[in-house]
């Protein structure tokens, strides 16, 4: 019987790269070991709060979070560690008429006057850009602001009534007046990022939990889905459906390369499958786990290796923007080629390998998968920052000099000893492609012998070691 793997996905709430998701694997990374987690929900023993009417199939037995459905979409919320807790303040004209779990939307405004047009524009952008958010999250709405003396005008109240907001909460330190249809709350200066959340509402507090949309891994490209533990340690947990004893050691500790992505706003969603021992194993050679499926062709093509799941997952899932992995021999380039995605082996030393168990210090690199060449380029420019270049004492090479240019390369390097191909038809396709590319981008094709170039290179001060 096959085992379904579900992948959590949350939109970044503050992003430079605007990545909706980042699937990661460093083939030989240092891993985090976590102990079994216990139930730590904010209610008395024996009392389980009920869900809002829109929630379906609420499951609170997972230990580290809850799952529930909204329509045909399933969500997971990390209820062990709330993102924030706000206090409900007394109100003379309105009282809390709902307690329990519910979906909620947070809007952080930077305008002194909140209009219907502003709210409509904000919510429309959520619906267009955020695949976690849906109109079902609008039954409860919390509006806050870093400003003081913010007001709601009549058009905003009219708009909220039209979209059927049943429960409205306003930050008391931001709004000078609280409308009689809203409950005042106090956040103690904690400003929540905008977006959809799951909330646990009592008569005194509201707990906000990070919320993820779950996707089924139909092509079996992942080992497990993962989410931020939010416990202050910068660690990640496997989804509660996975046994923590088995899967937690496979969830990565943020190394400098990964922390850079987190700092840029990337959302890490899981650990994908790779060939055992970072080898170039084909499907029939895999023994540790089920080989991932390639979405191209008849669905039974190879994903190559060793970063097998990365290329195939980016090709398979439109909700996944990018994946990263290591390349020593061809572990990024081959898995990028076979499902028709973009992948690279960067210049040696482009990214620090701190926290990565080396296969070959003279050949290991970290690369990037993507479907779109423009966004791939933007990702690479933001990620491969000079401050994270590998120390030249490790590579034995001169310092990298990477110009900040949008110009295309001027040459195509053609290693003569690898061509022509054995298949004349394939060689004809390559020749045609090279001719079109060189003509389109005004590039020259430079023929050289790669083996001779490497053999004669002065990599070490003592040339006898070359």
Protein backbone atom coordinates (compact mmCIF):
# COMPACT_ATOMS: atom_id res chain seq x y z
CA UNK A 1 0.00 0.00 0.00
CA UNK A 2 1.50 3.34 -1.00
CA UNK A 3 2.10 6.06 1.55
CA UNK A 4 0.92 9.58 0.69
CA UNK A 5 3.25 12.40 1.61
CA UNK A 6 1.79 15.85 2.13
CA UNK A 7 3.79 19.03 1.75
CA UNK A 8 3.04 22.19 3.75
CA UNK A 9 3.07 25.44 1.86
CA UNK A 10 2.82 28.98 3.15
CA UNK A 11 3.32 32.24 1.34
CA UNK A 12 6.14 34.44 2.63
CA UNK A 13 4.76 37.29 4.66
CA UNK A 14 7.71 39.56 3.95
CA UNK A 15 9.82 38.63 0.98
CA UNK A 16 12.59 40.06 -1.16
CA UNK A 17 12.57 37.14 -3.57
CA UNK A 18 8.81 36.64 -3.48
CA UNK A 19 9.28 32.88 -3.46
CA UNK A 20 6.12 30.98 -2.70
CA UNK A 21 8.06 27.88 -1.71
CA UNK A 22 11.53 26.50 -1.64
CA UNK A 23 12.17 22.78 -1.62
CA UNK A 24 15.64 22.02 -0.40
CA UNK A 25 18.23 19.38 -0.11
CA UNK A 26 21.93 19.57 0.40
CA UNK A 27 22.86 16.03 -0.39
CA UNK A 28 25.21 15.68 2.55
CA UNK A 29 23.98 18.19 5.08
CA UNK A 30 24.25 18.16 8.87
CA UNK A 31 20.84 17.20 10.27
CA UNK A 32 18.81 18.18 13.27
CA UNK A 33 17.64 15.57 15.74
CA UNK A 34 14.52 16.40 17.76
CA UNK A 35 12.72 14.55 20.47
CA UNK A 36 9.10 13.51 20.31
CA UNK A 37 6.84 16.48 20.79
CA UNK A 38 3.93 16.55 23.22
CA UNK A 39 0.53 18.17 23.09
CA UNK A 40 0.81 21.80 24.18
CA UNK A 41 -2.46 23.41 23.22
CA UNK A 42 -3.91 26.32 25.17
CA UNK A 43 -6.88 24.68 26.83
CA UNK A 44 -7.65 22.79 30.01
CA UNK A 45 -7.06 19.03 30.08
CA UNK A 46 -10.10 17.16 28.85
CA UNK A 47 -11.63 20.19 27.15
CA UNK A 48 -11.32 20.41 23.38
CA UNK A 49 -12.51 23.63 21.77
CA UNK A 50 -14.80 23.24 18.83
CA UNK A 51 -14.06 24.52 15.33
CA UNK A 52 -15.76 27.34 13.50
CA UNK A 53 -18.68 26.24 11.29
CA UNK A 54 -16.54 26.43 8.12
CA UNK A 55 -13.87 24.02 9.35
CA UNK A 56 -14.23 20.39 8.29
CA UNK A 57 -12.62 17.26 9.71
CA UNK A 58 -10.72 19.08 12.47
CA UNK A 59 -8.01 16.79 13.87
CA UNK A 60 -6.40 17.93 17.14
CA UNK A 61 -4.70 14.63 17.95
CA UNK A 62 -1.45 15.19 16.05
CA UNK A 63 0.58 16.47 19.01
CA UNK A 64 2.33 19.32 17.23
CA UNK A 65 -0.51 20.90 15.31
CA UNK A 66 -3.96 20.51 13.85
CA UNK A 67 -5.32 19.76 10.41
CA UNK A 68 -8.65 20.82 8.99
CA UNK A 69 -10.41 21.29 5.69
CA UNK A 70 -11.92 24.33 4.02
CA UNK A 71 -13.83 23.16 0.98
CA UNK A 72 -11.57 20.73 -0.87
CA UNK A 73 -8.32 22.14 0.59
CA UNK A 74 -6.57 20.77 3.68
CA UNK A 75 -4.56 22.96 6.05
CA UNK A 76 -2.06 22.37 8.83
CA UNK A 77 -1.48 24.80 11.70
CA UNK A 78 1.51 24.76 14.05
CA UNK A 79 -0.40 25.06 17.33
CA UNK A 80 2.45 24.14 19.64
CA UNK A 81 4.16 27.51 19.28
CA UNK A 82 1.81 30.43 18.50
CA UNK A 83 3.10 33.16 16.25
CA UNK A 84 1.50 35.70 18.57
CA UNK A 85 -1.06 36.08 21.34
CA UNK A 86 -3.24 39.15 21.79
CA UNK A 87 -5.54 40.06 24.66
CA UNK A 88 -9.23 40.75 24.18
CA UNK A 89 -10.21 43.94 25.96
CA UNK A 90 -13.61 44.51 27.61
CA UNK A 91 -16.22 46.20 25.42
CA UNK A 92 -19.50 47.61 26.65
CA UNK A 93 -21.55 46.97 23.54
CA UNK A 94 -20.23 43.63 22.29
CA UNK A 95 -18.96 40.38 23.75
CA UNK A 96 -17.10 37.34 22.49
CA UNK A 97 -19.73 35.12 20.90
CA UNK A 98 -17.34 32.49 19.55
CA UNK A 99 -14.58 30.45 21.18
CA UNK A 100 -12.51 27.69 19.64
CA UNK A 101 -10.43 27.17 16.51
CA UNK A 102 -11.15 29.28 13.47
CA UNK A 103 -9.48 30.63 10.37
CA UNK A 104 -8.60 34.34 10.49
CA UNK A 105 -7.03 37.01 8.29
CA UNK A 106 -4.57 39.62 9.56
CA UNK A 107 -4.24 42.95 7.76
CA UNK A 108 -1.49 45.33 8.78
CA UNK A 109 -2.21 48.80 7.40
CA UNK A 110 0.14 51.74 7.02
CA UNK A 111 -2.53 54.34 6.33
CA UNK A 112 -4.10 56.66 8.87
CA UNK A 113 -7.52 56.11 7.31
CA UNK A 114 -8.70 52.60 6.41
CA UNK A 115 -11.07 52.79 3.47
CA UNK A 116 -13.11 50.17 1.68
CA UNK A 117 -10.94 50.65 -1.37
CA UNK A 118 -7.80 49.92 0.65
CA UNK A 119 -9.29 46.75 2.16
CA UNK A 120 -10.60 45.57 -1.19
CA UNK A 121 -7.23 46.12 -2.85
CA UNK A 122 -5.41 44.28 -0.04
CA UNK A 123 -7.73 41.27 -0.04
CA UNK A 124 -7.73 41.10 -3.85
CA UNK A 125 -3.94 40.92 -3.81
CA UNK A 126 -4.14 38.04 -1.29
CA UNK A 127 -6.55 36.14 -3.52
CA UNK A 128 -4.39 36.70 -6.60
CA UNK A 129 -0.97 35.97 -5.13
CA UNK A 130 -1.37 33.72 -2.10
CA UNK A 131 -2.47 30.12 -2.66
CA UNK A 132 -2.84 29.57 1.10
CA UNK A 133 -5.41 32.33 1.42
CA UNK A 134 -9.06 31.99 0.40
CA UNK A 135 -12.30 33.84 1.12
CA UNK A 136 -12.99 31.28 3.87
CA UNK A 137 -10.36 33.06 6.00
CA UNK A 138 -12.45 36.24 6.04
CA UNK A 139 -15.03 35.12 8.60
CA UNK A 140 -12.68 36.56 11.25
CA UNK A 141 -10.59 39.65 10.48
CA UNK A 142 -7.95 41.36 12.64
CA UNK A 143 -6.75 44.81 11.55
CA UNK A 144 -3.69 46.42 13.11
CA UNK A 145 -1.20 49.15 12.33
CA UNK A 146 2.15 50.48 13.56
CA UNK A 147 0.57 53.94 13.39
CA UNK A 148 -1.52 55.68 16.03
CA UNK A 149 -4.96 57.32 15.67
CA UNK A 150 -6.00 55.16 12.71
CA UNK A 151 -9.68 55.37 11.71
CA UNK A 152 -12.14 53.18 9.82
CA UNK A 153 -14.32 55.19 7.47
CA UNK A 154 -17.87 54.29 6.46
CA UNK A 155 -16.80 52.71 3.16
CA UNK A 156 -14.63 50.18 5.01
CA UNK A 157 -17.52 49.06 7.20
CA UNK A 158 -19.77 48.79 4.16
CA UNK A 159 -17.16 46.67 2.37
CA UNK A 160 -16.63 44.37 5.37
CA UNK A 161 -20.38 43.86 5.57
CA UNK A 162 -20.55 42.98 1.86
CA UNK A 163 -17.84 40.29 2.17
CA UNK A 164 -19.58 38.79 5.23
CA UNK A 165 -16.91 39.41 7.89
CA UNK A 166 -18.66 37.98 10.95
CA UNK A 167 -16.06 38.90 13.59
CA UNK A 168 -13.92 42.03 13.45
CA UNK A 169 -11.00 42.72 15.81
CA UNK A 170 -9.16 46.05 15.98
CA UNK A 171 -5.84 46.85 17.65
CA UNK A 172 -6.70 49.28 20.45
CA UNK A 173 -3.31 51.02 20.42
CA UNK A 174 -3.72 51.84 16.71
CA UNK A 175 -7.38 52.79 16.36
CA UNK A 176 -8.51 55.96 18.08
CA UNK A 177 -12.13 54.79 18.05
CA UNK A 178 -13.46 51.23 18.03
CA UNK A 179 -16.62 50.76 16.01
CA UNK A 180 -19.51 49.15 17.85
CA UNK A 181 -19.28 46.07 15.64
CA UNK A 182 -15.63 45.33 16.53
CA UNK A 183 -13.83 43.88 19.54
CA UNK A 184 -10.75 45.75 20.80
CA UNK A 185 -7.56 43.74 21.28
CA UNK A 186 -4.17 44.58 22.73
CA UNK A 187 -1.01 43.04 21.22
CA UNK A 188 1.64 44.46 23.57
CA UNK A 189 3.49 45.90 20.58
CA UNK A 190 3.71 42.59 18.66
CA UNK A 191 2.88 43.41 15.06
CA UNK A 192 1.81 40.29 13.17
CA UNK A 193 2.76 39.99 9.49
CA UNK A 194 -0.27 40.19 7.22
CA UNK A 195 -1.86 37.04 5.86
CA UNK A 196 -4.01 34.01 6.71
CA UNK A 197 -3.70 32.30 10.09
CA UNK A 198 -5.46 29.78 12.26
CA UNK A 199 -6.63 31.18 15.59
CA UNK A 200 -7.68 29.77 18.93
CA UNK A 201 -10.11 32.20 20.50
CA UNK A 202 -11.08 32.22 24.17
CA UNK A 203 -13.03 34.81 26.12
CA UNK A 204 -9.75 36.60 27.00
CA UNK A 205 -7.15 35.91 24.29
CA UNK A 206 -6.57 35.09 20.64
CA UNK A 207 -3.66 32.80 19.74
CA UNK A 208 -2.43 33.09 16.13
CA UNK A 209 -0.83 30.01 14.55
CA UNK A 210 1.21 29.78 11.35
CA UNK A 211 -0.93 28.00 8.78
CA UNK A 212 0.10 25.90 5.78
CA UNK A 213 -1.80 24.53 2.83
CA UNK A 214 -1.10 20.83 2.31
CA UNK A 215 -0.36 19.40 -1.12
CA UNK A 216 -0.23 15.71 -1.89
CA UNK A 217 3.10 14.59 -3.30
CA UNK A 218 1.61 12.61 -6.19
CA UNK A 219 4.98 12.16 -7.91
CA UNK A 220 6.63 10.99 -4.68
CA UNK A 221 9.51 13.42 -4.98
CA UNK A 222 9.73 14.29 -1.27
CA UNK A 223 11.05 12.38 1.72
CA UNK A 224 8.86 14.46 4.00
CA UNK A 225 7.19 17.82 4.27
CA UNK A 226 8.58 20.25 6.85
CA UNK A 227 7.62 23.46 8.59
CA UNK A 228 9.29 25.98 10.89
CA UNK A 229 9.06 24.92 14.53
CA UNK A 230 8.68 28.58 15.58
CA UNK A 231 10.27 27.72 18.94
CA UNK A 232 13.05 30.29 18.74
CA UNK A 233 15.73 27.80 17.67
CA UNK A 234 15.43 28.35 13.90
CA UNK A 235 14.72 24.63 13.52
CA UNK A 236 12.27 22.74 11.32
CA UNK A 237 9.98 19.79 12.03
CA UNK A 238 8.59 17.02 9.83
CA UNK A 239 4.84 17.01 9.43
CA UNK A 240 3.13 15.31 12.39
CA UNK A 241 1.87 12.52 10.12
CA UNK A 242 5.49 11.35 9.94
CA UNK A 243 7.05 9.52 12.87
CA UNK A 244 9.38 12.05 14.49
CA UNK A 245 11.86 9.33 15.47
CA UNK A 246 12.35 8.41 11.81
CA UNK A 247 11.94 11.69 9.94
CA UNK A 248 13.15 14.46 12.26
CA UNK A 249 16.87 13.70 11.65
CA UNK A 250 16.28 14.36 7.93
CA UNK A 251 15.12 17.94 8.45
CA UNK A 252 18.02 20.37 7.94
CA UNK A 253 19.55 22.79 10.37
CA UNK A 254 19.78 26.17 8.62
CA UNK A 255 23.36 26.41 7.34
CA UNK A 256 24.66 29.78 6.06
CA UNK A 257 23.48 28.95 2.53
CA UNK A 258 19.96 28.11 3.73
CA UNK A 259 19.81 30.90 6.30
CA UNK A 260 20.49 33.34 3.48
CA UNK A 261 17.31 32.16 1.75
CA UNK A 262 15.27 32.36 4.95
CA UNK A 263 16.51 35.91 5.49
CA UNK A 264 15.40 36.78 1.95
CA UNK A 265 11.87 35.52 2.65
CA UNK A 266 11.92 32.00 1.20
CA UNK A 267 9.52 29.41 2.63
CA UNK A 268 11.09 25.98 3.14
CA UNK A 269 8.55 23.21 2.61
CA UNK A 270 10.38 19.92 2.78
CA UNK A 271 13.25 17.56 2.06
CA UNK A 272 13.26 15.91 -1.34
CA UNK A 273 14.56 12.49 -2.29
CA UNK A 274 18.11 12.03 -3.48
CA UNK A 275 20.11 9.02 -4.58
CA UNK A 276 21.69 7.08 -1.76
CA UNK A 277 25.20 8.28 -0.92
CA UNK A 278 24.71 11.17 -3.39
CA UNK A 279 25.39 8.76 -6.27
CA UNK A 280 24.16 8.93 -9.84
CA UNK A 281 21.92 5.93 -9.26
CA UNK A 282 19.19 5.14 -11.79
CA UNK A 283 15.68 4.08 -10.69
CA UNK A 284 16.51 0.38 -10.75
CA UNK A 285 19.48 0.98 -8.42
CA UNK A 286 17.56 2.62 -5.57
CA UNK A 287 17.17 0.56 -2.42
CA UNK A 288 16.54 3.06 0.39
CA UNK A 289 13.22 4.44 -0.85
CA UNK A 290 10.80 4.61 -3.77
CA UNK A 291 12.39 6.45 -6.69
CA UNK A 292 10.63 9.77 -7.56
CA UNK A 293 8.54 9.89 -10.71
CA UNK A 294 9.32 12.21 -13.62
CA UNK A 295 6.21 14.15 -14.74
CA UNK A 296 7.41 14.31 -18.35
CA UNK A 297 6.62 11.83 -21.10
CA UNK A 298 4.83 8.70 -19.94
CA UNK A 299 5.65 9.38 -16.28
CA UNK A 300 8.28 6.65 -16.05
CA UNK A 301 11.35 8.54 -17.25
CA UNK A 302 14.36 8.79 -14.96
CA UNK A 303 14.88 11.78 -12.66
CA UNK A 304 18.64 11.17 -12.87
CA UNK A 305 20.78 11.86 -9.80
CA UNK A 306 21.84 12.58 -7.29
CA UNK A 307 19.56 15.57 -6.63
CA UNK A 308 16.75 13.55 -8.18
CA UNK A 309 13.70 14.90 -6.39
CA UNK A 310 14.65 18.54 -6.93
CA UNK A 311 14.44 18.72 -10.70
CA UNK A 312 11.38 16.50 -10.94
CA UNK A 313 9.46 18.27 -8.16
CA UNK A 314 10.01 21.71 -9.72
CA UNK A 315 8.81 20.27 -13.04
CA UNK A 316 5.81 18.58 -11.43
CA UNK A 317 4.33 21.20 -9.07
CA UNK A 318 3.39 24.73 -10.08
CA UNK A 319 3.14 25.73 -6.40
CA UNK A 320 6.86 25.05 -5.97
CA UNK A 321 9.11 27.75 -7.38
CA UNK A 322 12.63 26.51 -6.71
CA UNK A 323 14.75 23.79 -5.20
CA UNK A 324 18.42 23.71 -4.25
CA UNK A 325 20.95 20.90 -4.14
CA UNK A 326 24.60 19.99 -4.46
CA UNK A 327 26.55 19.27 -7.63
CA UNK A 328 29.88 17.46 -7.50
CA UNK A 329 29.91 15.50 -10.75
CA UNK A 330 26.59 16.34 -12.42
CA UNK A 331 24.08 16.02 -9.58
CA UNK A 332 22.25 19.25 -10.46
CA UNK A 333 22.71 19.39 -14.20
CA UNK A 334 21.39 15.93 -15.08
CA UNK A 335 18.30 16.15 -12.81
CA UNK A 336 17.57 19.57 -14.35
CA UNK A 337 17.92 18.31 -17.92
CA UNK A 338 15.74 15.20 -17.85
CA UNK A 339 12.47 16.86 -16.70
CA UNK A 340 13.12 20.05 -18.68
CA UNK A 341 13.92 22.51 -15.89
CA UNK A 342 16.78 24.94 -15.34
CA UNK A 343 19.68 23.98 -13.09
CA UNK A 344 23.30 24.94 -12.65
CA UNK A 345 26.67 24.09 -11.30
CA UNK A 346 28.06 27.48 -10.23
CA UNK A 347 31.70 28.53 -10.30
CA UNK A 348 33.75 26.75 -7.67
CA UNK A 349 33.58 28.66 -4.39
CA UNK A 350 30.44 30.64 -5.26
CA UNK A 351 28.65 29.48 -2.09
CA UNK A 352 30.01 28.44 1.29
CA UNK A 353 29.70 24.75 2.11
CA UNK A 354 29.70 25.26 5.87
CA UNK A 355 27.47 22.60 7.41
CA UNK A 356 27.73 20.34 4.35
CA UNK A 357 29.59 17.05 4.59
CA UNK A 358 31.96 17.15 1.60
CA UNK A 359 32.17 14.55 -1.13
CA UNK A 360 35.11 16.26 -2.85
CA UNK A 361 36.35 19.63 -1.56
CA UNK A 362 37.75 20.44 -5.02
CA UNK A 363 34.44 19.76 -6.81
CA UNK A 364 31.48 20.32 -4.44
CA UNK A 365 29.13 23.20 -5.30
CA UNK A 366 25.57 24.26 -4.47
CA UNK A 367 23.13 24.82 -7.33
CA UNK A 368 19.57 25.90 -7.99
CA UNK A 369 16.56 24.43 -9.85
CA UNK A 370 13.85 26.58 -11.42
CA UNK A 371 11.19 26.56 -14.16
CA UNK A 372 11.50 30.17 -15.29
CA UNK A 373 14.88 31.50 -16.47
CA UNK A 374 14.10 35.08 -15.41
CA UNK A 375 13.09 34.23 -11.86
CA UNK A 376 15.93 31.68 -11.72
CA UNK A 377 18.38 34.48 -12.54
CA UNK A 378 16.85 36.80 -9.92
CA UNK A 379 17.07 34.04 -7.32
CA UNK A 380 20.72 33.31 -8.16
CA UNK A 381 21.75 36.98 -8.05
CA UNK A 382 20.17 37.42 -4.61
CA UNK A 383 21.47 34.13 -3.19
CA UNK A 384 25.07 34.00 -4.44
CA UNK A 385 26.22 36.98 -2.42
CA UNK A 386 29.98 37.70 -2.16
CA UNK A 387 29.79 37.53 1.64
CA UNK A 388 29.02 33.80 1.32
CA UNK A 389 31.75 32.94 -1.19
CA UNK A 390 33.88 30.01 -0.09
CA UNK A 391 37.22 30.85 1.48
CA UNK A 392 40.00 30.66 -1.09
CA UNK A 393 42.11 28.68 1.38
CA UNK A 394 39.60 25.85 0.91
CA UNK A 395 39.25 25.99 -2.87
CA UNK A 396 42.88 26.82 -3.67
CA UNK A 397 41.57 29.20 -6.33
CA UNK A 398 41.88 32.94 -6.76
CA UNK A 399 39.04 35.09 -5.35
CA UNK A 400 35.90 35.19 -7.47
CA UNK A 401 35.03 38.39 -9.28
CA UNK A 402 31.36 38.41 -10.27
CA UNK A 403 30.30 41.52 -12.20
CA UNK A 404 26.79 42.79 -11.50
CA UNK A 405 25.76 42.72 -15.12
CA UNK A 406 22.65 41.86 -17.11
CA UNK A 407 24.69 41.21 -20.26
CA UNK A 408 24.60 37.78 -21.86
CA UNK A 409 27.76 35.67 -22.06
CA UNK A 410 29.89 36.35 -25.13
CA UNK A 411 31.21 32.82 -25.70
CA UNK A 412 29.95 29.25 -25.79
CA UNK A 413 32.67 26.80 -24.73
CA UNK A 414 32.68 23.65 -26.88
CA UNK A 415 34.84 20.80 -25.43
CA UNK A 416 35.95 18.97 -28.56
CA UNK A 417 36.80 15.67 -26.87
CA UNK A 418 33.11 15.12 -25.97
CA UNK A 419 31.74 15.60 -29.50
CA UNK A 420 30.35 14.63 -31.89
CA UNK A 421 27.67 12.58 -30.20
CA UNK A 422 27.23 8.94 -31.06
CA UNK A 423 23.72 9.64 -32.34
CA UNK A 424 23.99 11.77 -35.52
CA UNK A 425 20.42 12.99 -35.12
CA UNK A 426 21.18 14.27 -31.63
CA UNK A 427 24.35 15.99 -32.88
CA UNK A 428 22.34 17.67 -35.63
CA UNK A 429 19.91 19.06 -33.04
CA UNK A 430 22.82 20.34 -30.94
CA UNK A 431 24.45 22.01 -33.94
CA UNK A 432 21.21 23.72 -34.89
CA UNK A 433 20.64 24.90 -31.33
CA UNK A 434 24.16 26.31 -31.01
CA UNK A 435 23.83 28.13 -34.30
CA UNK A 436 20.53 29.74 -33.31
CA UNK A 437 21.73 30.74 -29.83
CA UNK A 438 25.03 32.19 -31.06
CA UNK A 439 23.23 34.16 -33.77
CA UNK A 440 20.47 35.44 -31.50
CA UNK A 441 22.80 36.61 -28.73
CA UNK A 442 25.82 37.51 -30.91
CA UNK A 443 27.99 34.86 -29.25
CA UNK A 444 31.04 33.02 -30.54
CA UNK A 445 31.61 29.27 -30.22
CA UNK A 446 35.04 28.60 -28.73
CA UNK A 447 36.45 25.12 -29.39
CA UNK A 448 38.89 23.80 -26.79
CA UNK A 449 40.08 20.62 -25.09
CA UNK A 450 38.74 20.57 -21.53
CA UNK A 451 40.93 17.68 -20.39
CA UNK A 452 44.11 19.37 -21.59
CA UNK A 453 43.06 22.66 -20.00
CA UNK A 454 42.57 21.04 -16.60
CA UNK A 455 45.75 18.98 -16.84
CA UNK A 456 47.90 22.01 -17.58
CA UNK A 457 46.27 24.30 -15.00
CA UNK A 458 48.44 25.49 -12.09
CA UNK A 459 46.01 24.70 -9.32
CA UNK A 460 48.70 24.16 -6.69
CA UNK A 461 51.89 26.12 -6.11
CA UNK A 462 53.80 22.88 -6.67
CA UNK A 463 52.93 22.07 -10.28
CA UNK A 464 54.05 18.47 -9.78
CA UNK A 465 50.81 17.97 -7.85
CA UNK A 466 48.62 18.92 -10.81
